[in-house]
Protein backbone atom coordinates (compact mmCIF):
# COMPACT_ATOMS: atom_id res chain seq x y z
CA MET A 1 132.19 104.65 113.03
CA ARG A 2 135.57 105.35 114.16
CA PRO A 3 138.58 103.89 113.14
CA ASP A 4 139.88 102.93 116.15
CA MET A 5 136.24 101.47 117.65
CA ASN A 6 136.71 97.77 117.37
CA GLU A 7 139.38 95.58 118.44
CA PRO A 8 141.62 94.99 115.48
CA ALA A 9 141.12 91.85 114.59
CA ASP A 10 144.80 89.97 115.56
CA CYS A 11 143.91 91.00 119.30
CA LYS A 12 140.26 89.57 119.50
CA SER A 13 141.16 86.81 117.99
CA VAL A 14 144.02 86.05 120.62
CA ALA A 15 141.86 87.15 123.45
CA ALA A 16 138.91 85.22 122.14
CA ALA A 17 141.94 82.04 121.48
CA LEU A 18 142.58 82.11 124.89
CA ASN A 19 139.08 82.17 126.29
CA ARG A 20 138.01 78.83 124.08
CA ASP A 21 141.31 76.81 124.88
CA CYS A 22 142.88 78.14 127.90
CA ALA A 23 141.26 76.12 130.55
CA CYS A 24 144.08 76.73 132.86
CA ILE A 25 143.77 76.74 136.20
CA THR A 26 144.81 80.52 137.66
CA LEU A 27 143.64 80.88 140.96
CA ASP A 28 145.62 79.99 144.21
CA HIS A 29 143.42 78.59 147.02
CA ALA A 30 146.58 78.95 149.20
CA ALA A 31 146.80 82.47 148.01
CA LEU A 32 143.56 83.35 148.57
CA ALA A 33 143.30 82.66 152.41
CA ALA A 34 145.88 84.40 152.71
CA ALA A 35 144.15 87.14 151.04
CA LEU A 36 141.58 87.12 153.02
CA GLY A 37 143.67 87.40 155.61
CA ASP A 38 141.46 84.66 157.76
CA ASP A 39 141.15 80.93 157.16
CA ALA A 40 137.78 80.73 158.77
CA LEU A 41 136.17 83.01 156.70
CA TYR A 42 138.11 81.23 153.48
CA ARG A 43 136.13 78.09 154.66
CA GLU A 44 133.10 79.70 154.50
CA ILE A 45 132.95 81.47 151.53
CA PHE A 46 133.74 78.16 150.31
CA ALA A 47 131.68 76.20 152.56
CA THR A 48 128.25 77.98 152.26
CA ARG A 49 129.41 80.00 148.70
CA PRO A 50 130.89 77.86 146.44
CA HIS A 51 130.52 79.22 142.82
CA LEU A 52 131.68 82.76 144.28
CA PHE A 53 135.11 82.53 142.88
CA SER A 54 135.68 80.82 138.93
CA ASP A 55 139.29 79.10 139.06
CA SER A 56 140.61 80.32 136.02
CA ALA A 57 140.46 83.89 134.30
CA VAL A 58 138.94 85.31 131.82
CA PHE A 59 141.00 88.33 128.65
CA VAL A 60 139.70 90.61 127.61
CA GLY A 61 141.36 93.00 124.74
CA ARG A 62 143.41 96.17 125.83
CA ARG A 63 141.55 98.19 123.47
CA HIS A 64 137.59 97.21 124.47
CA LEU A 65 138.89 97.71 128.13
CA ALA A 66 140.03 101.41 127.01
CA HIS A 67 137.06 101.87 125.26
CA MET A 68 134.65 100.62 128.14
CA ALA A 69 136.92 103.54 130.73
CA GLU A 70 135.58 105.83 126.97
CA LEU A 71 132.36 105.87 127.23
CA ILE A 72 132.06 105.65 130.78
CA ALA A 73 133.75 108.83 131.27
CA ALA A 74 131.27 110.18 128.72
CA VAL A 75 127.72 109.44 130.60
CA GLU A 76 130.05 110.82 133.43
CA GLU A 77 130.03 113.67 131.67
CA ILE A 78 126.58 113.57 130.45
CA VAL A 79 125.04 113.00 133.97
CA ALA A 80 126.55 116.22 135.26
CA LEU A 81 124.16 118.52 132.70
CA PRO A 82 121.35 120.39 134.26
CA GLY A 83 119.38 118.77 131.31
CA TRP A 84 120.09 115.05 132.25
CA GLN A 85 119.87 116.14 135.41
CA ALA A 86 115.82 117.66 134.90
CA ARG A 87 115.22 114.54 132.71
CA THR A 88 115.64 111.42 134.38
CA LEU A 89 114.81 113.23 137.74
CA GLY A 90 111.43 113.59 137.19
CA TRP A 91 110.73 110.29 136.95
CA ALA A 92 113.00 109.50 140.30
CA PRO A 93 110.95 109.27 143.40
CA ALA A 94 111.21 112.45 146.05
CA SER A 95 114.01 110.95 147.61
CA ALA A 96 116.38 111.72 145.05
CA ARG A 97 115.71 115.42 143.94
CA ARG A 98 118.21 115.91 147.46
CA ARG A 99 121.03 117.30 146.31
CA THR A 100 124.35 116.43 147.12
CA ALA A 101 127.94 116.49 147.10
CA ALA A 102 128.72 113.20 147.38
CA ALA A 103 129.24 111.49 143.82
CA GLY A 104 127.87 107.83 145.34
CA ALA A 105 130.53 105.34 145.86
CA PHE A 106 130.94 101.94 143.58
CA LEU A 107 129.20 102.17 140.59
CA GLY A 108 128.71 99.16 138.22
CA TYR A 109 129.18 99.44 134.58
CA ASP A 110 127.88 96.18 133.58
CA PHE A 111 128.93 95.13 129.07
CA HIS A 112 128.63 92.54 126.82
CA VAL A 113 131.56 92.18 124.39
CA GLY A 114 130.56 90.67 121.10
CA GLU A 115 132.24 91.18 117.03
CA ASP A 116 131.84 94.78 117.26
CA GLY A 117 133.07 95.60 120.81
CA PRO A 118 131.81 95.97 124.17
CA LYS A 119 127.89 96.43 124.90
CA LEU A 120 126.84 98.19 127.89
CA ILE A 121 124.19 96.71 129.45
CA GLU A 122 123.62 98.55 132.87
CA ILE A 123 124.42 101.00 135.32
CA ASN A 124 124.61 99.81 139.25
CA THR A 125 124.26 102.07 142.02
CA ASN A 126 125.50 99.21 144.70
CA ALA A 127 127.54 97.50 142.92
CA GLY A 128 129.01 94.29 145.17
CA GLY A 129 132.24 92.24 144.50
CA GLY A 130 134.46 94.94 143.82
CA LEU A 131 136.68 94.31 147.60
CA LEU A 132 136.53 90.02 146.69
CA ASN A 133 137.96 90.65 143.97
CA ALA A 134 141.08 92.19 144.63
CA ARG A 135 141.36 89.63 147.14
CA LEU A 136 140.55 87.38 144.66
CA ALA A 137 143.57 89.13 142.21
CA ALA A 138 145.65 89.02 144.92
CA ALA A 139 145.43 85.61 144.68
CA THR A 140 145.46 85.10 141.10
CA ARG A 141 148.46 83.58 138.60
CA ALA A 142 149.92 84.51 135.21
CA CYS A 143 149.62 81.48 133.40
CA CYS A 144 150.05 82.22 129.60
CA THR A 145 152.74 85.25 128.32
CA ALA A 146 149.58 86.15 125.86
CA ALA A 147 148.31 88.10 129.53
CA GLU A 148 150.52 91.18 129.43
CA SER A 149 148.26 92.60 131.86
CA ALA A 150 147.46 91.02 135.27
CA PRO A 151 144.71 92.44 137.51
CA ARG A 152 145.59 95.57 139.07
CA PRO A 153 147.50 95.01 142.39
CA ALA A 154 144.86 94.56 145.53
CA ALA A 155 147.16 97.11 147.62
CA ASP A 156 146.31 99.69 144.90
CA VAL A 157 142.76 98.73 144.27
CA GLU A 158 142.29 99.07 147.93
CA ALA A 159 143.63 101.89 148.76
CA ALA A 160 141.32 103.28 145.61
CA PHE A 161 138.73 102.47 147.41
CA VAL A 162 139.33 103.16 150.54
CA ALA A 163 140.45 107.21 149.10
CA MET A 164 137.10 106.63 147.68
CA PHE A 165 135.12 106.78 150.72
CA ARG A 166 137.82 109.63 152.30
CA GLU A 167 136.65 112.18 149.05
CA GLU A 168 133.02 111.05 149.13
CA TRP A 169 132.80 112.36 152.99
CA ARG A 170 135.50 115.24 151.99
CA ARG A 171 132.73 116.55 149.09
CA VAL A 172 130.00 117.04 151.78
CA ARG A 173 131.86 117.98 155.32
CA GLY A 174 135.17 119.05 154.05
CA ASP A 175 137.97 118.36 156.12
CA VAL A 176 136.30 117.52 159.33
CA PRO A 177 137.43 114.11 160.50
CA LEU A 178 135.71 111.10 159.09
CA ALA A 179 135.99 108.45 162.61
CA ARG A 180 133.61 106.09 161.90
CA ILE A 181 131.23 103.99 159.21
CA ALA A 182 128.22 101.92 159.09
CA ILE A 183 128.52 99.01 156.41
CA VAL A 184 124.29 98.51 155.66
CA ASP A 185 122.25 95.75 154.40
CA GLU A 186 118.75 94.61 155.39
CA ARG A 187 119.92 90.92 158.01
CA PRO A 188 124.00 91.77 156.47
CA ALA A 189 124.94 88.08 158.38
CA GLU A 190 122.05 86.51 155.73
CA GLN A 191 123.32 88.16 152.78
CA TYR A 192 125.03 86.28 150.42
CA MET A 193 128.35 89.10 150.05
CA ALA A 194 128.46 89.12 153.93
CA PRO A 195 131.88 87.81 153.69
CA GLU A 196 132.78 91.74 151.93
CA PHE A 197 130.70 93.42 154.89
CA GLU A 198 133.59 91.87 157.17
CA LEU A 199 136.28 92.88 154.48
CA PHE A 200 135.45 96.45 154.78
CA ARG A 201 134.80 96.51 158.08
CA ARG A 202 138.63 95.75 158.58
CA LEU A 203 140.00 97.43 155.86
CA PHE A 204 138.48 100.70 157.46
CA VAL A 205 139.45 99.37 160.71
CA GLN A 206 143.14 99.33 159.25
CA HIS A 207 142.70 102.64 157.91
CA GLY A 208 141.86 104.12 160.98
CA ILE A 209 137.96 104.39 160.46
CA ALA A 210 135.90 103.07 163.44
CA ALA A 211 133.65 100.44 161.39
CA VAL A 212 130.15 98.45 162.10
CA ILE A 213 128.04 96.67 159.92
CA ALA A 214 124.92 97.15 160.77
CA ASP A 215 121.09 96.62 159.66
CA PRO A 216 119.32 99.98 158.94
CA ALA A 217 116.74 98.78 161.63
CA GLU A 218 119.46 99.25 164.81
CA PHE A 219 119.38 103.15 163.84
CA VAL A 220 117.89 105.91 165.65
CA TRP A 221 117.60 109.52 164.26
CA ASP A 222 117.73 111.83 166.97
CA GLY A 223 116.63 114.87 165.00
CA GLY A 224 120.24 115.34 164.17
CA ARG A 225 122.33 112.99 164.22
CA LEU A 226 122.56 109.29 163.08
CA LEU A 227 122.64 106.93 166.30
CA LEU A 228 123.97 103.23 166.12
CA GLY A 229 124.49 101.82 169.64
CA GLY A 230 123.89 105.32 171.13
CA GLU A 231 127.43 106.86 168.93
CA ALA A 232 126.98 108.71 166.24
CA VAL A 233 127.91 107.66 162.52
CA ASP A 234 129.33 109.85 160.11
CA LEU A 235 129.26 108.10 156.64
CA VAL A 236 126.38 105.27 155.54
CA TYR A 237 128.25 102.62 152.95
CA ASN A 238 124.33 101.80 151.61
CA ARG A 239 124.35 98.27 150.21
CA LEU A 240 120.62 98.61 150.49
CA THR A 241 118.48 97.66 147.38
CA ASP A 242 115.51 100.42 148.81
CA PHE A 243 117.33 102.71 146.53
CA ALA A 244 114.83 105.46 147.47
CA LEU A 245 115.35 105.01 150.92
CA ASP A 246 111.25 104.36 151.01
CA ALA A 247 110.51 101.63 153.61
CA PRO A 248 109.58 102.05 156.92
CA ALA A 249 111.80 99.55 158.08
CA HIS A 250 114.61 102.71 156.78
CA ALA A 251 112.90 105.47 158.31
CA ALA A 252 116.28 106.17 160.88
CA LEU A 253 117.99 106.30 157.31
CA ARG A 254 116.06 108.43 154.80
CA ALA A 255 115.63 111.07 157.96
CA ALA A 256 119.16 111.46 157.62
CA TRP A 257 119.36 111.86 153.90
CA ASP A 258 116.55 113.87 154.20
CA HIS A 259 118.68 116.25 156.47
CA ASP A 260 121.95 115.58 156.33
CA GLY A 261 123.12 114.15 159.15
CA ALA A 262 125.67 111.73 157.73
CA VAL A 263 126.68 111.58 154.46
CA ILE A 264 125.13 108.24 153.04
CA THR A 265 126.66 106.94 149.49
CA PRO A 266 126.15 105.08 147.37
CA HIS A 267 122.37 107.11 147.56
CA PRO A 268 119.01 107.78 146.32
CA ARG A 269 120.18 111.10 143.82
CA ALA A 270 122.97 108.85 142.65
CA HIS A 271 120.88 105.68 141.56
CA ALA A 272 118.06 108.23 139.64
CA LEU A 273 121.00 110.02 137.94
CA TYR A 274 122.93 106.52 137.01
CA ALA A 275 121.01 103.72 137.58
CA ASP A 276 117.08 103.43 136.39
CA LYS A 277 117.18 101.28 133.35
CA ARG A 278 114.94 104.45 131.61
CA ASN A 279 118.20 106.21 132.03
CA LEU A 280 119.50 104.10 128.33
CA ALA A 281 116.42 104.91 126.96
CA ALA A 282 117.19 108.32 127.65
CA LEU A 283 121.09 107.46 126.56
CA CYS A 284 119.20 106.13 123.37
CA ASP A 285 117.75 109.28 122.49
CA ALA A 286 120.51 110.59 119.62
CA GLY A 287 118.51 113.92 118.80
CA TRP A 288 118.12 114.77 123.13
CA LEU A 289 121.89 114.59 123.15
CA ALA A 290 123.02 116.40 120.89
CA GLU A 291 120.41 119.61 122.06
CA LEU A 292 121.72 119.02 125.63
CA GLY A 293 124.93 119.87 124.28
CA VAL A 294 127.27 116.34 124.44
CA PRO A 295 129.62 116.41 121.72
CA ALA A 296 129.59 114.47 118.48
CA GLU A 297 132.67 112.44 119.14
CA ALA A 298 130.79 111.43 123.16
CA ARG A 299 127.37 110.31 120.78
CA GLN A 300 128.97 108.79 118.45
CA LEU A 301 130.60 106.52 120.88
CA ILE A 302 127.27 105.96 122.76
CA ALA A 303 125.49 104.54 119.44
CA GLU A 304 128.29 102.27 118.70
CA MET A 305 128.19 101.33 122.69
CA VAL A 306 124.86 101.38 123.94
CA PRO A 307 122.48 98.65 122.72
CA ALA A 308 118.92 100.39 121.55
CA THR A 309 116.87 101.00 124.22
CA ARG A 310 112.89 102.17 124.09
CA MET A 311 110.69 102.45 126.90
CA VAL A 312 107.69 99.61 126.77
CA ARG A 313 104.47 101.10 125.99
CA ALA A 314 101.23 99.33 126.57
CA GLU A 315 100.39 101.48 122.78
CA ASP A 316 103.64 99.22 121.19
CA ALA A 317 101.93 95.84 122.07
CA GLU A 318 101.39 94.05 118.82
CA THR A 319 105.16 95.52 117.33
CA LEU A 320 106.87 94.86 121.17
CA TRP A 321 105.45 90.95 121.18
CA ALA A 322 106.61 90.32 117.55
CA GLU A 323 109.28 91.51 117.81
CA ARG A 324 110.44 89.92 121.26
CA ARG A 325 113.42 87.46 120.49
CA ARG A 326 115.19 90.79 119.97
CA TRP A 327 114.85 92.07 123.46
CA PHE A 328 115.30 91.70 126.94
CA PHE A 329 113.13 93.55 128.93
CA LYS A 330 113.71 94.58 131.85
CA PRO A 331 112.36 97.04 135.62
CA ALA A 332 113.34 100.20 136.01
CA ALA A 333 114.02 99.73 139.21
CA GLY A 334 115.33 96.17 138.93
CA TYR A 335 118.47 94.27 140.10
CA GLY A 336 120.84 92.18 140.19
CA SER A 337 118.36 90.31 137.02
CA LYS A 338 115.39 89.90 139.49
CA ALA A 339 111.85 90.18 137.29
CA ALA A 340 114.37 91.00 133.92
CA TYR A 341 113.03 88.61 130.90
CA ARG A 342 114.85 87.69 127.53
CA GLY A 343 112.26 88.17 125.11
CA ASP A 344 112.80 84.73 123.47
CA LYS A 345 112.13 82.77 126.89
CA LEU A 346 108.52 85.22 127.60
CA THR A 347 105.22 83.86 128.14
CA LYS A 348 101.92 85.73 127.23
CA ARG A 349 101.19 86.54 130.92
CA VAL A 350 104.19 87.67 131.86
CA PHE A 351 104.39 89.59 128.95
CA GLU A 352 100.99 90.96 130.19
CA GLU A 353 102.79 91.95 133.30
CA ILE A 354 105.31 94.14 131.67
CA LEU A 355 102.79 95.92 129.74
CA GLN A 356 100.92 97.13 133.31
CA GLY A 357 104.48 99.52 132.91
CA GLY A 358 107.93 100.18 134.83
CA TYR A 359 109.73 98.24 132.14
CA ILE A 360 112.83 99.16 129.13
CA ALA A 361 112.70 96.77 126.24
CA GLN A 362 116.97 96.48 125.61
CA ALA A 363 117.79 95.20 122.53
CA LEU A 364 119.46 91.27 122.72
CA VAL A 365 123.89 92.07 122.87
CA PRO A 366 124.60 87.83 123.73
CA PRO A 367 127.55 87.50 126.13
CA SER A 368 131.08 86.38 124.86
CA GLU A 369 132.08 83.45 125.83
CA ARG A 370 134.59 80.69 128.13
CA ARG A 371 135.19 77.30 127.74
CA LEU A 372 136.98 75.33 130.83
CA ASN A 373 137.13 72.38 132.57
CA VAL A 374 134.97 71.03 135.05
CA ALA A 375 135.08 68.66 136.70
CA GLY A 376 137.20 67.04 134.15
CA GLU A 377 134.50 67.87 131.29
CA PRO A 378 134.98 70.82 129.14
CA ARG A 379 132.09 73.66 129.45
CA GLN A 380 130.63 76.57 127.72
CA PHE A 381 130.47 79.60 130.30
CA LYS A 382 128.88 83.10 129.33
CA LEU A 383 130.72 85.81 130.73
CA ASP A 384 129.95 89.50 131.70
CA LEU A 385 132.70 92.23 132.58
CA ARG A 386 131.87 94.69 135.37
CA ASN A 387 133.77 97.89 135.22
CA TYR A 388 133.59 99.63 138.84
CA ALA A 389 134.02 102.83 138.70
CA TYR A 390 133.78 106.18 141.11
CA ALA A 391 133.71 109.98 139.40
CA GLY A 392 133.89 108.28 136.09
CA ARG A 393 137.56 106.51 136.25
CA VAL A 394 137.59 102.65 136.38
CA GLN A 395 138.91 101.31 139.46
CA LEU A 396 138.81 97.79 138.87
CA VAL A 397 137.92 94.93 136.05
CA VAL A 398 136.65 92.18 136.65
CA ALA A 399 134.59 89.38 134.95
CA ARG A 400 131.33 87.29 135.90
CA LEU A 401 131.08 83.78 134.57
CA TYR A 402 127.48 82.11 134.61
CA GLN A 403 125.20 79.49 132.67
CA GLY A 404 121.32 80.35 131.82
CA GLN A 405 120.40 83.36 131.42
CA THR A 406 121.71 85.73 133.87
CA THR A 407 124.58 85.79 136.08
CA ASN A 408 123.75 83.45 139.06
CA PHE A 409 126.64 82.35 141.65
CA ARG A 410 125.62 78.85 141.14
CA THR A 411 127.15 77.20 138.04
CA PRO A 412 129.63 74.98 138.65
CA GLY A 413 133.05 76.37 137.63
CA GLY A 414 130.88 80.10 137.31
CA GLY A 415 132.04 82.66 139.35
CA PHE A 416 134.26 85.97 139.84
CA ALA A 417 137.01 85.54 137.75
CA PRO A 418 139.99 88.65 137.20
CA VAL A 419 140.84 89.96 134.09
CA PHE A 420 143.66 89.61 132.23
CA GLU A 421 144.47 92.53 129.18
CA VAL A 422 145.68 91.32 125.71
CA ALA A 423 147.59 93.68 123.36
CA GLY A 424 148.21 90.72 120.44
CA PRO A 425 149.80 88.21 118.98
CA ALA A 426 152.72 89.60 119.85
CA ALA A 427 152.37 89.36 123.40
CA GLY A 428 153.25 85.52 123.67
CA LYS A 429 151.67 81.76 123.23
CA MET A 430 149.52 79.62 125.78
CA HIS A 431 150.48 77.79 128.33
CA ALA A 432 149.09 74.17 129.25
């Protein structure tokens, strides 16, 4: 293990102490309403999604943040290797095999942070919440001098997001002007993240790009262009969970993808290369990574930060069942914790279904915790950390607070929370 891999004890203890003892309210609701730019949107969020935002922040050690960024950069380099692409595309749907210069917008790297540092739980290719969290950061007040660095300014994050979409366009279309973006999901007005769709629409318009929110069934493929309301769409910001674009209702989008009729991001290839859960098992294949030519330092980093992951095979049923309490079972193409199970909560019936195929088993990594006061009562929350990244570089780090098995945005006091960087005890003291 590299000597600086883990957070120094003093720094870890400060972040842990703050997460345990600092119950300050850091969210300024009036400032959030202003940051959202629309009182009606603010009221809608808190009327219909009362647990989207937590009232408090989460504290993370500086070196833990640096190590997460280091791992993300290493994964980016591995994904670019022909051997990695050959293996992961081997189990991918046909649509993922089409090449594109687009990198894929809004990768989300999710981590749990334990005693021995951050552990990568999964990678997502259409990670939601980035713009909402940028606005949340703008409405967050520092509550203690121990938090040396506040979240990145919203204006900087938003500029990075717009630049990301422009870069996706440039990679495919060069210097042709980007004129129109469609933000796409099924029944978008009914989605939990619908407020973010509207924020993105406004953000694009503010930067001189026409933007619309659309259901995929509204598109028409005319044989050369993707049309919406009779007008061409240049770029699709894809929020669908049909990662392969195989559903019949998505036929126009699939045709545009197959025939390069629009730039689609994130896209099926990005999901196959990054987010298929089987890729975590490939990352844990140290001997194979060495054969690919992955540098020893990157392999060491992966060994330390990626929990042991294996494919679920019927022939291993007896061993997996006996050891089930140490595993978390996830579907290969899963998202949002759907059909994912902690081994210690698993029934024999569900286990038999898992054995039918399409699952991985990942070593269980307990999340770190945050204690807050909710309605005057102390409550313990679990938390994970999401790194929004593009092309191997972190754009924003946020936390998600929850109770129960997985993140759910249903816990009073929970939801998205901004992250404050902690350097160590010399940084200061907590305030009441």
